[in-house]
Structure formats: structure tokens, C-alpha cells
Amino acid sequence: MVSEEYQGAQQWSRNKQAVFTVAWISFLIAAVGTMVFFAFFDPVALGSLYDGVEISRDAGYATGFFFFWVLCAICSGITAYLVRTAPKRDRKHRQQ
């Protein structure tokens, strides 16, 4: 029998929350972006645009997904940074 009582969920630091929020949101958006992009473009056909480049369909999907994930992570990270570093407003500015 366990004699320790549950103390509740462990609290994450604000920075850790921001990092994981950015990673999760960018992952979800990259998944949707990959599905939409590759609904219109075939990765094998995109690879054949460059001479001597042969890429399998699965490798094209994986490369596209990670490209979208990095792009979305950069955008989300910049947004999170700008929101967290915005100047605080005091009551005078809120009433105007």
C-alpha cells in the first residue's frame, strides 16, 4: 500500500510551458500544412525538378513535414517571445 499522498501535478516553469506550447502548436500546424501541401503536390515530382535528385515518396513526406514543423516553430517562437516581452500596461492606459 502506498503511504504517500498525491501532492498534485508538478508545476512547470513559465519558460518550460512556453517551449512545449510552441512545440505542440507547431507540430499540429505542420501536420495540417503537410496534408494540405501534399494533397496538391507529389513529392516524387518535386524531387525530379532538380537534376540527379531522386527522392522516395516517404522521404518527401518526412522532409516536408519537418520543414513545415521548423517553419511553424520559428513563427510560433517569435510570437511567444513578442507576447512575453511586450511592455506591461498600467491602469491609466487601460482606462483610455
Protein backbone atom coordinates (compact mmCIF):
# COMPACT_ATOMS: atom_id res chain seq x y z
CA MET A 1 0.00 0.00 0.00
CA VAL A 2 1.27 3.45 -0.83
CA SER A 3 1.54 5.68 2.20
CA GLU A 4 2.43 8.86 0.30
CA GLU A 5 -0.40 11.18 -0.56
CA TYR A 6 -0.75 12.64 -4.01
CA GLN A 7 0.52 16.21 -3.93
CA GLY A 8 -0.96 17.25 -7.26
CA ALA A 9 0.60 17.76 -10.63
CA GLN A 10 4.10 19.09 -10.72
CA GLN A 11 4.20 22.73 -11.79
CA TRP A 12 6.26 23.60 -14.84
CA SER A 13 8.21 26.81 -15.06
CA ARG A 14 6.87 29.51 -17.33
CA ASN A 15 9.74 29.02 -19.79
CA LYS A 16 9.17 25.27 -19.97
CA GLN A 17 5.45 25.83 -20.61
CA ALA A 18 6.26 28.27 -23.41
CA VAL A 19 8.69 25.87 -25.08
CA PHE A 20 6.30 22.94 -25.00
CA THR A 21 3.37 25.09 -26.12
CA VAL A 22 5.35 26.31 -29.12
CA ALA A 23 6.48 22.75 -29.94
CA TRP A 24 2.95 21.29 -29.69
CA ILE A 25 1.22 24.04 -31.66
CA SER A 26 3.86 23.99 -34.39
CA PHE A 27 3.60 20.17 -34.58
CA LEU A 28 -0.16 20.31 -35.11
CA ILE A 29 0.02 23.07 -37.70
CA ALA A 30 2.87 21.28 -39.52
CA ALA A 31 0.74 18.12 -39.71
CA VAL A 32 -2.16 20.02 -41.26
CA GLY A 33 0.14 22.00 -43.56
CA THR A 34 1.82 18.82 -44.76
CA MET A 35 -1.53 17.21 -45.55
CA VAL A 36 -2.76 20.24 -47.47
CA PHE A 37 0.51 20.79 -49.36
CA PHE A 38 0.92 17.17 -50.42
CA ALA A 39 -2.73 16.95 -51.44
CA PHE A 40 -1.72 19.19 -54.34
CA PHE A 41 1.96 18.28 -54.93
CA ASP A 42 3.61 14.89 -55.33
CA PRO A 43 6.97 14.68 -53.53
CA VAL A 44 8.43 12.47 -56.27
CA ALA A 45 7.53 15.06 -58.91
CA LEU A 46 9.02 17.83 -56.76
CA GLY A 47 12.26 15.87 -56.41
CA SER A 48 12.53 15.42 -60.17
CA LEU A 49 12.60 19.20 -60.67
CA TYR A 50 16.31 19.09 -59.78
CA ASP A 51 18.70 17.10 -61.96
CA GLY A 52 20.10 14.00 -60.29
CA VAL A 53 17.83 14.19 -57.25
CA GLU A 54 15.71 11.13 -56.63
CA ILE A 55 13.60 11.05 -53.51
CA SER A 56 11.12 8.44 -52.38
CA ARG A 57 7.58 9.41 -51.58
CA ASP A 58 8.01 8.66 -47.86
CA ALA A 59 11.24 10.67 -47.66
CA GLY A 60 9.50 13.57 -49.40
CA TYR A 61 6.64 13.49 -46.91
CA ALA A 62 9.04 13.34 -43.95
CA THR A 63 11.21 16.16 -45.30
CA GLY A 64 8.15 18.28 -45.99
CA PHE A 65 6.74 17.67 -42.53
CA PHE A 66 9.97 18.62 -40.78
CA PHE A 67 10.30 21.70 -42.98
CA PHE A 68 6.80 22.82 -42.01
CA TRP A 69 7.45 21.97 -38.36
CA VAL A 70 10.62 24.07 -38.20
CA LEU A 71 8.94 26.94 -40.06
CA CYS A 72 5.93 26.89 -37.71
CA ALA A 73 8.16 26.57 -34.63
CA ILE A 74 10.11 29.66 -35.67
CA CYS A 75 6.91 31.63 -36.25
CA SER A 76 5.33 30.46 -33.00
CA GLY A 77 8.53 31.09 -31.06
CA ILE A 78 8.77 34.65 -32.34
CA THR A 79 5.13 35.22 -31.45
CA ALA A 80 5.61 33.83 -27.93
CA TYR A 81 8.71 35.97 -27.46
CA LEU A 82 6.93 39.13 -28.59
CA VAL A 83 3.94 38.46 -26.34
CA ARG A 84 6.13 37.78 -23.29
CA THR A 85 8.36 40.83 -23.81
CA ALA A 86 5.58 43.31 -24.56
CA PRO A 87 5.55 46.27 -22.16
CA LYS A 88 3.05 45.99 -19.34
CA ARG A 89 0.20 48.48 -19.30
CA ASP A 90 -0.82 50.27 -16.14
CA ARG A 91 -4.31 51.38 -15.15
CA LYS A 92 -4.01 54.79 -16.82
CA HIS A 93 -3.51 53.24 -20.21
CA ARG A 94 -6.36 50.75 -19.74
CA GLN A 95 -8.92 53.43 -18.96
CA GLN A 96 -8.16 55.49 -22.08
